[in-house]
Amino acid sequence: MAIGRCCDEKTVWGKSQKKVNKKGKGKKVVDTMARKEWYDVRAPNQFKERNVCKTLVNRTAGLRIASDSLKGRV
């Protein structure tokens, strides 16, 4: 038998395991389409039809700028 703590319920279940068992609030469910914006994809001047299509882009948030994500789509 080991010398030291006795084996009552409080010492078997440490503090870290008590925190895990507590119920917490989950993450809020966010609609992913609510963060999107429509942008027109336009061709260069040499083409007759300049408005090619529309594309979805995430809105500007923090350091992510929406216009930067349009690069390479034409």
PDB file of N, CA and C in Angstrom:
ATOM      1  N   MET A   1       0.837  -1.165   0.000  1.00  0.00           N
ATOM      2  CA  MET A   1       0.000   0.000   0.000  1.00  0.00           C
ATOM      3  C   MET A   1       0.887   1.236   0.000  1.00  0.00           C
ATOM      4  N   ALA A   2       0.502   2.234  -0.802  1.00  0.00           N
ATOM      5  CA  ALA A   2       1.296   3.447  -0.913  1.00  0.00           C
ATOM      6  C   ALA A   2       1.062   4.346   0.287  1.00  0.00           C
ATOM      7  N   ILE A   3       2.114   5.016   0.698  1.00  0.00           N
ATOM      8  CA  ILE A   3       2.012   5.932   1.822  1.00  0.00           C
ATOM      9  C   ILE A   3       1.674   7.309   1.266  1.00  0.00           C
ATOM     10  N   GLY A   4       0.772   8.015   1.884  1.00  0.00           N
ATOM     11  CA  GLY A   4       0.415   9.352   1.411  1.00  0.00           C
ATOM     12  C   GLY A   4      -1.082   9.555   1.483  1.00  0.00           C
ATOM     13  N   ARG A   5      -1.693   9.872   0.386  1.00  0.00           N
ATOM     14  CA  ARG A   5      -3.119  10.184   0.358  1.00  0.00           C
ATOM     15  C   ARG A   5      -3.966   8.935   0.520  1.00  0.00           C
ATOM     16  N   CYS A   6      -5.105   9.136   1.125  1.00  0.00           N
ATOM     17  CA  CYS A   6      -6.053   8.041   1.188  1.00  0.00           C
ATOM     18  C   CYS A   6      -6.886   8.053  -0.091  1.00  0.00           C
ATOM     19  N   CYS A   7      -7.599   7.034  -0.328  1.00  0.00           N
ATOM     20  CA  CYS A   7      -8.316   6.891  -1.601  1.00  0.00           C
ATOM     21  C   CYS A   7      -9.779   7.257  -1.470  1.00  0.00           C
ATOM     22  N   ASP A   8     -10.083   8.444  -0.979  1.00  0.00           N
ATOM     23  CA  ASP A   8     -11.481   8.852  -0.986  1.00  0.00           C
ATOM     24  C   ASP A   8     -11.817   9.442  -2.360  1.00  0.00           C
ATOM     25  N   GLU A   9     -13.056   9.720  -2.576  1.00  0.00           N
ATOM     26  CA  GLU A   9     -13.534  10.118  -3.901  1.00  0.00           C
ATOM     27  C   GLU A   9     -12.939  11.441  -4.367  1.00  0.00           C
ATOM     28  N   LYS A  10     -12.700  12.381  -3.460  1.00  0.00           N
ATOM     29  CA  LYS A  10     -12.204  13.697  -3.844  1.00  0.00           C
ATOM     30  C   LYS A  10     -10.778  13.639  -4.378  1.00  0.00           C
ATOM     31  N   THR A  11      -9.951  12.781  -3.830  1.00  0.00           N
ATOM     32  CA  THR A  11      -8.578  12.727  -4.297  1.00  0.00           C
ATOM     33  C   THR A  11      -8.452  11.914  -5.574  1.00  0.00           C
ATOM     34  N   VAL A  12      -9.334  10.980  -5.799  1.00  0.00           N
ATOM     35  CA  VAL A  12      -9.269  10.187  -7.023  1.00  0.00           C
ATOM     36  C   VAL A  12      -9.625  11.066  -8.220  1.00  0.00           C
ATOM     37  N   TRP A  13     -10.671  11.869  -8.070  1.00  0.00           N
ATOM     38  CA  TRP A  13     -11.055  12.772  -9.144  1.00  0.00           C
ATOM     39  C   TRP A  13     -10.404  14.127  -8.871  1.00  0.00           C
ATOM     40  N   GLY A  14      -9.339  14.448  -9.568  1.00  0.00           N
ATOM     41  CA  GLY A  14      -8.625  15.708  -9.373  1.00  0.00           C
ATOM     42  C   GLY A  14      -9.418  16.888  -9.889  1.00  0.00           C
ATOM     43  N   LYS A  15      -8.874  18.076  -9.644  1.00  0.00           N
ATOM     44  CA  LYS A  15      -9.563  19.302 -10.049  1.00  0.00           C
ATOM     45  C   LYS A  15      -9.745  19.375 -11.563  1.00  0.00           C
ATOM     46  N   SER A  16      -8.738  18.932 -12.298  1.00  0.00           N
ATOM     47  CA  SER A  16      -8.830  19.057 -13.752  1.00  0.00           C
ATOM     48  C   SER A  16      -9.961  18.207 -14.312  1.00  0.00           C
ATOM     49  N   GLN A  17     -10.212  17.067 -13.709  1.00  0.00           N
ATOM     50  CA  GLN A  17     -11.285  16.221 -14.212  1.00  0.00           C
ATOM     51  C   GLN A  17     -12.649  16.743 -13.784  1.00  0.00           C
ATOM     52  N   LYS A  18     -12.719  17.476 -12.704  1.00  0.00           N
ATOM     53  CA  LYS A  18     -13.992  18.077 -12.300  1.00  0.00           C
ATOM     54  C   LYS A  18     -14.398  19.150 -13.298  1.00  0.00           C
ATOM     55  N   LYS A  19     -13.427  19.921 -13.793  1.00  0.00           N
ATOM     56  CA  LYS A  19     -13.724  20.983 -14.745  1.00  0.00           C
ATOM     57  C   LYS A  19     -14.236  20.413 -16.062  1.00  0.00           C
ATOM     58  N   VAL A  20     -13.730  19.272 -16.440  1.00  0.00           N
ATOM     59  CA  VAL A  20     -14.138  18.665 -17.699  1.00  0.00           C
ATOM     60  C   VAL A  20     -15.586  18.216 -17.623  1.00  0.00           C
ATOM     61  N   ASN A  21     -16.012  17.746 -16.474  1.00  0.00           N
ATOM     62  CA  ASN A  21     -17.347  17.200 -16.335  1.00  0.00           C
ATOM     63  C   ASN A  21     -18.431  18.265 -16.237  1.00  0.00           C
ATOM     64  N   LYS A  22     -18.065  19.509 -15.934  1.00  0.00           N
ATOM     65  CA  LYS A  22     -19.072  20.561 -15.816  1.00  0.00           C
ATOM     66  C   LYS A  22     -19.643  20.881 -17.189  1.00  0.00           C
ATOM     67  N   LYS A  23     -20.902  21.225 -17.192  1.00  0.00           N
ATOM     68  CA  LYS A  23     -21.531  21.604 -18.456  1.00  0.00           C
ATOM     69  C   LYS A  23     -21.182  23.050 -18.765  1.00  0.00           C
ATOM     70  N   GLY A  24     -20.830  23.313 -20.013  1.00  0.00           N
ATOM     71  CA  GLY A  24     -20.497  24.668 -20.418  1.00  0.00           C
ATOM     72  C   GLY A  24     -21.329  25.077 -21.610  1.00  0.00           C
ATOM     73  N   LYS A  25     -21.256  26.342 -21.923  1.00  0.00           N
ATOM     74  CA  LYS A  25     -21.984  26.822 -23.085  1.00  0.00           C
ATOM     75  C   LYS A  25     -21.241  26.402 -24.343  1.00  0.00           C
ATOM     76  N   GLY A  26     -21.981  25.958 -25.321  1.00  0.00           N
ATOM     77  CA  GLY A  26     -21.387  25.606 -26.597  1.00  0.00           C
ATOM     78  C   GLY A  26     -21.209  26.840 -27.459  1.00  0.00           C
ATOM     79  N   LYS A  27     -20.572  26.663 -28.597  1.00  0.00           N
ATOM     80  CA  LYS A  27     -20.391  27.781 -29.511  1.00  0.00           C
ATOM     81  C   LYS A  27     -21.723  28.138 -30.151  1.00  0.00           C
ATOM     82  N   LYS A  28     -21.876  29.408 -30.448  1.00  0.00           N
ATOM     83  CA  LYS A  28     -23.086  29.847 -31.123  1.00  0.00           C
ATOM     84  C   LYS A  28     -23.036  29.380 -32.570  1.00  0.00           C
ATOM     85  N   VAL A  29     -24.158  28.952 -33.083  1.00  0.00           N
ATOM     86  CA  VAL A  29     -24.238  28.532 -34.471  1.00  0.00           C
ATOM     87  C   VAL A  29     -24.430  29.779 -35.327  1.00  0.00           C
ATOM     88  N   VAL A  30     -23.472  30.012 -36.232  1.00  0.00           N
ATOM     89  CA  VAL A  30     -23.496  31.196 -37.071  1.00  0.00           C
ATOM     90  C   VAL A  30     -23.823  30.768 -38.497  1.00  0.00           C
ATOM     91  N   ASP A  31     -24.756  31.476 -39.112  1.00  0.00           N
ATOM     92  CA  ASP A  31     -25.098  31.189 -40.497  1.00  0.00           C
ATOM     93  C   ASP A  31     -23.930  31.614 -41.378  1.00  0.00           C
ATOM     94  N   THR A  32     -23.348  30.665 -42.120  1.00  0.00           N
ATOM     95  CA  THR A  32     -22.168  30.971 -42.927  1.00  0.00           C
ATOM     96  C   THR A  32     -22.497  31.876 -44.108  1.00  0.00           C
ATOM     97  N   MET A  33     -23.725  31.807 -44.600  1.00  0.00           N
ATOM     98  CA  MET A  33     -24.090  32.647 -45.739  1.00  0.00           C
ATOM     99  C   MET A  33     -24.321  34.100 -45.323  1.00  0.00           C
ATOM    100  N   ALA A  34     -24.500  34.355 -44.053  1.00  0.00           N
ATOM    101  CA  ALA A  34     -24.709  35.725 -43.591  1.00  0.00           C
ATOM    102  C   ALA A  34     -23.428  36.547 -43.688  1.00  0.00           C
ATOM    103  N   ARG A  35     -22.277  35.880 -43.739  1.00  0.00           N
ATOM    104  CA  ARG A  35     -20.997  36.574 -43.804  1.00  0.00           C
ATOM    105  C   ARG A  35     -20.513  36.776 -45.237  1.00  0.00           C
ATOM    106  N   LYS A  36     -21.283  36.386 -46.218  1.00  0.00           N
ATOM    107  CA  LYS A  36     -20.848  36.445 -47.615  1.00  0.00           C
ATOM    108  C   LYS A  36     -21.374  37.696 -48.309  1.00  0.00           C
ATOM    109  N   GLU A  37     -20.641  38.124 -49.325  1.00  0.00           N
ATOM    110  CA  GLU A  37     -21.052  39.240 -50.165  1.00  0.00           C
ATOM    111  C   GLU A  37     -20.904  38.825 -51.619  1.00  0.00           C
ATOM    112  N   TRP A  38     -21.762  39.361 -52.470  1.00  0.00           N
ATOM    113  CA  TRP A  38     -21.686  39.097 -53.899  1.00  0.00           C
ATOM    114  C   TRP A  38     -20.813  40.156 -54.567  1.00  0.00           C
ATOM    115  N   TYR A  39     -19.904  39.717 -55.425  1.00  0.00           N
ATOM    116  CA  TYR A  39     -19.067  40.617 -56.206  1.00  0.00           C
ATOM    117  C   TYR A  39     -19.218  40.277 -57.684  1.00  0.00           C
ATOM    118  N   ASP A  40     -19.175  41.313 -58.536  1.00  0.00           N
ATOM    119  CA  ASP A  40     -19.200  41.101 -59.983  1.00  0.00           C
ATOM    120  C   ASP A  40     -17.789  40.783 -60.453  1.00  0.00           C
ATOM    121  N   VAL A  41     -17.664  39.726 -61.252  1.00  0.00           N
ATOM    122  CA  VAL A  41     -16.383  39.401 -61.878  1.00  0.00           C
ATOM    123  C   VAL A  41     -16.406  40.049 -63.250  1.00  0.00           C
ATOM    124  N   ARG A  42     -15.450  40.932 -63.495  1.00  0.00           N
ATOM    125  CA  ARG A  42     -15.432  41.685 -64.749  1.00  0.00           C
ATOM    126  C   ARG A  42     -14.194  41.325 -65.548  1.00  0.00           C
ATOM    127  N   ALA A  43     -14.383  41.247 -66.859  1.00  0.00           N
ATOM    128  CA  ALA A  43     -13.291  40.949 -67.783  1.00  0.00           C
ATOM    129  C   ALA A  43     -12.596  42.258 -68.179  1.00  0.00           C
ATOM    130  N   PRO A  44     -11.399  42.173 -68.758  1.00  0.00           N
ATOM    131  CA  PRO A  44     -10.709  43.385 -69.220  1.00  0.00           C
ATOM    132  C   PRO A  44     -11.475  44.106 -70.340  1.00  0.00           C
ATOM    133  N   ASN A  45     -11.040  45.330 -70.654  1.00  0.00           N
ATOM    134  CA  ASN A  45     -11.736  46.182 -71.623  1.00  0.00           C
ATOM    135  C   ASN A  45     -11.785  45.603 -73.029  1.00  0.00           C
ATOM    136  N   GLN A  46     -10.863  44.756 -73.393  1.00  0.00           N
ATOM    137  CA  GLN A  46     -10.794  44.260 -74.762  1.00  0.00           C
ATOM    138  C   GLN A  46     -11.939  43.309 -75.111  1.00  0.00           C
ATOM    139  N   PHE A  47     -12.695  42.851 -74.135  1.00  0.00           N
ATOM    140  CA  PHE A  47     -13.818  41.954 -74.384  1.00  0.00           C
ATOM    141  C   PHE A  47     -15.112  42.753 -74.461  1.00  0.00           C
ATOM    142  N   LYS A  48     -16.040  42.279 -75.333  1.00  0.00           N
ATOM    143  CA  LYS A  48     -17.338  42.945 -75.457  1.00  0.00           C
ATOM    144  C   LYS A  48     -18.149  42.783 -74.181  1.00  0.00           C
ATOM    145  N   GLU A  49     -18.279  41.565 -73.741  1.00  0.00           N
ATOM    146  CA  GLU A  49     -19.066  41.251 -72.534  1.00  0.00           C
ATOM    147  C   GLU A  49     -18.143  41.376 -71.323  1.00  0.00           C
ATOM    148  N   ARG A  50     -18.271  42.462 -70.581  1.00  0.00           N
ATOM    149  CA  ARG A  50     -17.368  42.695 -69.451  1.00  0.00           C
ATOM    150  C   ARG A  50     -17.844  42.019 -68.183  1.00  0.00           C
ATOM    151  N   ASN A  51     -19.148  42.011 -67.947  1.00  0.00           N
ATOM    152  CA  ASN A  51     -19.672  41.360 -66.746  1.00  0.00           C
ATOM    153  C   ASN A  51     -19.749  39.859 -66.995  1.00  0.00           C
ATOM    154  N   VAL A  52     -18.820  39.133 -66.423  1.00  0.00           N
ATOM    155  CA  VAL A  52     -18.738  37.696 -66.668  1.00  0.00           C
ATOM    156  C   VAL A  52     -19.715  36.952 -65.771  1.00  0.00           C
ATOM    157  N   CYS A  53     -19.620  37.169 -64.487  1.00  0.00           N
ATOM    158  CA  CYS A  53     -20.479  36.447 -63.547  1.00  0.00           C
ATOM    159  C   CYS A  53     -20.421  37.147 -62.196  1.00  0.00           C
ATOM    160  N   LYS A  54     -21.047  36.532 -61.217  1.00  0.00           N
ATOM    161  CA  LYS A  54     -20.977  37.010 -59.833  1.00  0.00           C
ATOM    162  C   LYS A  54     -20.369  35.902 -58.989  1.00  0.00           C
ATOM    163  N   THR A  55     -19.659  36.293 -57.950  1.00  0.00           N
ATOM    164  CA  THR A  55     -19.017  35.308 -57.085  1.00  0.00           C
ATOM    165  C   THR A  55     -19.210  35.697 -55.627  1.00  0.00           C
ATOM    166  N   LEU A  56     -19.199  34.691 -54.771  1.00  0.00           N
ATOM    167  CA  LEU A  56     -19.349  34.908 -53.331  1.00  0.00           C
ATOM    168  C   LEU A  56     -17.988  35.087 -52.677  1.00  0.00           C
ATOM    169  N   VAL A  57     -17.907  36.067 -51.779  1.00  0.00           N
ATOM    170  CA  VAL A  57     -16.668  36.337 -51.053  1.00  0.00           C
ATOM    171  C   VAL A  57     -17.029  36.607 -49.606  1.00  0.00           C
ATOM    172  N   ASN A  58     -16.179  36.150 -48.682  1.00  0.00           N
ATOM    173  CA  ASN A  58     -16.387  36.465 -47.269  1.00  0.00           C
ATOM    174  C   ASN A  58     -16.205  37.956 -47.041  1.00  0.00           C
ATOM    175  N   ARG A  59     -16.983  38.511 -46.132  1.00  0.00           N
ATOM    176  CA  ARG A  59     -16.898  39.936 -45.826  1.00  0.00           C
ATOM    177  C   ARG A  59     -15.556  40.284 -45.206  1.00  0.00           C
ATOM    178  N   THR A  60     -15.210  41.550 -45.292  1.00  0.00           N
ATOM    179  CA  THR A  60     -13.986  42.036 -44.683  1.00  0.00           C
ATOM    180  C   THR A  60     -14.098  41.931 -43.167  1.00  0.00           C
ATOM    181  N   ALA A  61     -13.096  41.295 -42.556  1.00  0.00           N
ATOM    182  CA  ALA A  61     -13.076  41.146 -41.102  1.00  0.00           C
ATOM    183  C   ALA A  61     -11.634  41.184 -40.633  1.00  0.00           C
ATOM    184  N   GLY A  62     -11.305  42.148 -39.818  1.00  0.00           N
ATOM    185  CA  GLY A  62      -9.951  42.239 -39.284  1.00  0.00           C
ATOM    186  C   GLY A  62      -8.953  42.550 -40.390  1.00  0.00           C
ATOM    187  N   LEU A  63      -7.956  41.678 -40.537  1.00  0.00           N
ATOM    188  CA  LEU A  63      -6.921  41.879 -41.546  1.00  0.00           C
ATOM    189  C   LEU A  63      -7.278  41.235 -42.881  1.00  0.00           C
ATOM    190  N   ARG A  64      -8.333  40.454 -42.919  1.00  0.00           N
ATOM    191  CA  ARG A  64      -8.748  39.813 -44.169  1.00  0.00           C
ATOM    192  C   ARG A  64      -9.637  40.776 -44.951  1.00  0.00           C
ATOM    193  N   ILE A  65      -9.150  41.233 -46.072  1.00  0.00           N
ATOM    194  CA  ILE A  65      -9.896  42.180 -46.888  1.00  0.00           C
ATOM    195  C   ILE A  65     -10.581  41.409 -48.007  1.00  0.00           C
ATOM    196  N   ALA A  66     -11.847  41.710 -48.239  1.00  0.00           N
ATOM    197  CA  ALA A  66     -12.649  40.961 -49.208  1.00  0.00           C
ATOM    198  C   ALA A  66     -12.090  41.088 -50.616  1.00  0.00           C
ATOM    199  N   SER A  67     -11.604  42.263 -50.985  1.00  0.00           N
ATOM    200  CA  SER A  67     -11.104  42.455 -52.348  1.00  0.00           C
ATOM    201  C   SER A  67      -9.833  41.647 -52.609  1.00  0.00           C
ATOM    202  N   ASP A  68      -9.080  41.317 -51.572  1.00  0.00           N
ATOM    203  CA  ASP A  68      -7.879  40.498 -51.749  1.00  0.00           C
ATOM    204  C   ASP A  68      -8.227  39.069 -52.142  1.00  0.00           C
ATOM    205  N   SER A  69      -9.367  38.583 -51.706  1.00  0.00           N
ATOM    206  CA  SER A  69      -9.738  37.209 -52.036  1.00  0.00           C
ATOM    207  C   SER A  69     -10.252  37.086 -53.463  1.00  0.00           C
ATOM    208  N   LEU A  70     -10.517  38.215 -54.129  1.00  0.00           N
ATOM    209  CA  LEU A  70     -10.956  38.185 -55.525  1.00  0.00           C
ATOM    210  C   LEU A  70      -9.798  37.976 -56.490  1.00  0.00           C
ATOM    211  N   LYS A  71      -8.581  38.180 -56.036  1.00  0.00           N
ATOM    212  CA  LYS A  71      -7.420  38.037 -56.913  1.00  0.00           C
ATOM    213  C   LYS A  71      -7.306  36.595 -57.393  1.00  0.00           C
ATOM    214  N   GLY A  72      -7.071  36.446 -58.664  1.00  0.00           N
ATOM    215  CA  GLY A  72      -6.914  35.115 -59.244  1.00  0.00           C
ATOM    216  C   GLY A  72      -8.216  34.463 -59.660  1.00  0.00           C
ATOM    217  N   ARG A  73      -9.323  35.154 -59.567  1.00  0.00           N
ATOM    218  CA  ARG A  73     -10.601  34.573 -59.978  1.00  0.00           C
ATOM    219  C   ARG A  73     -10.956  34.929 -61.415  1.00  0.00           C
ATOM    220  N   VAL A  74     -10.180  35.792 -62.048  1.00  0.00           N
ATOM    221  CA  VAL A  74     -10.456  36.145 -63.448  1.00  0.00           C
ATOM    222  C   VAL A  74      -9.329  35.598 -64.290  1.00  0.00           C
TER     223      VAL A  74
END
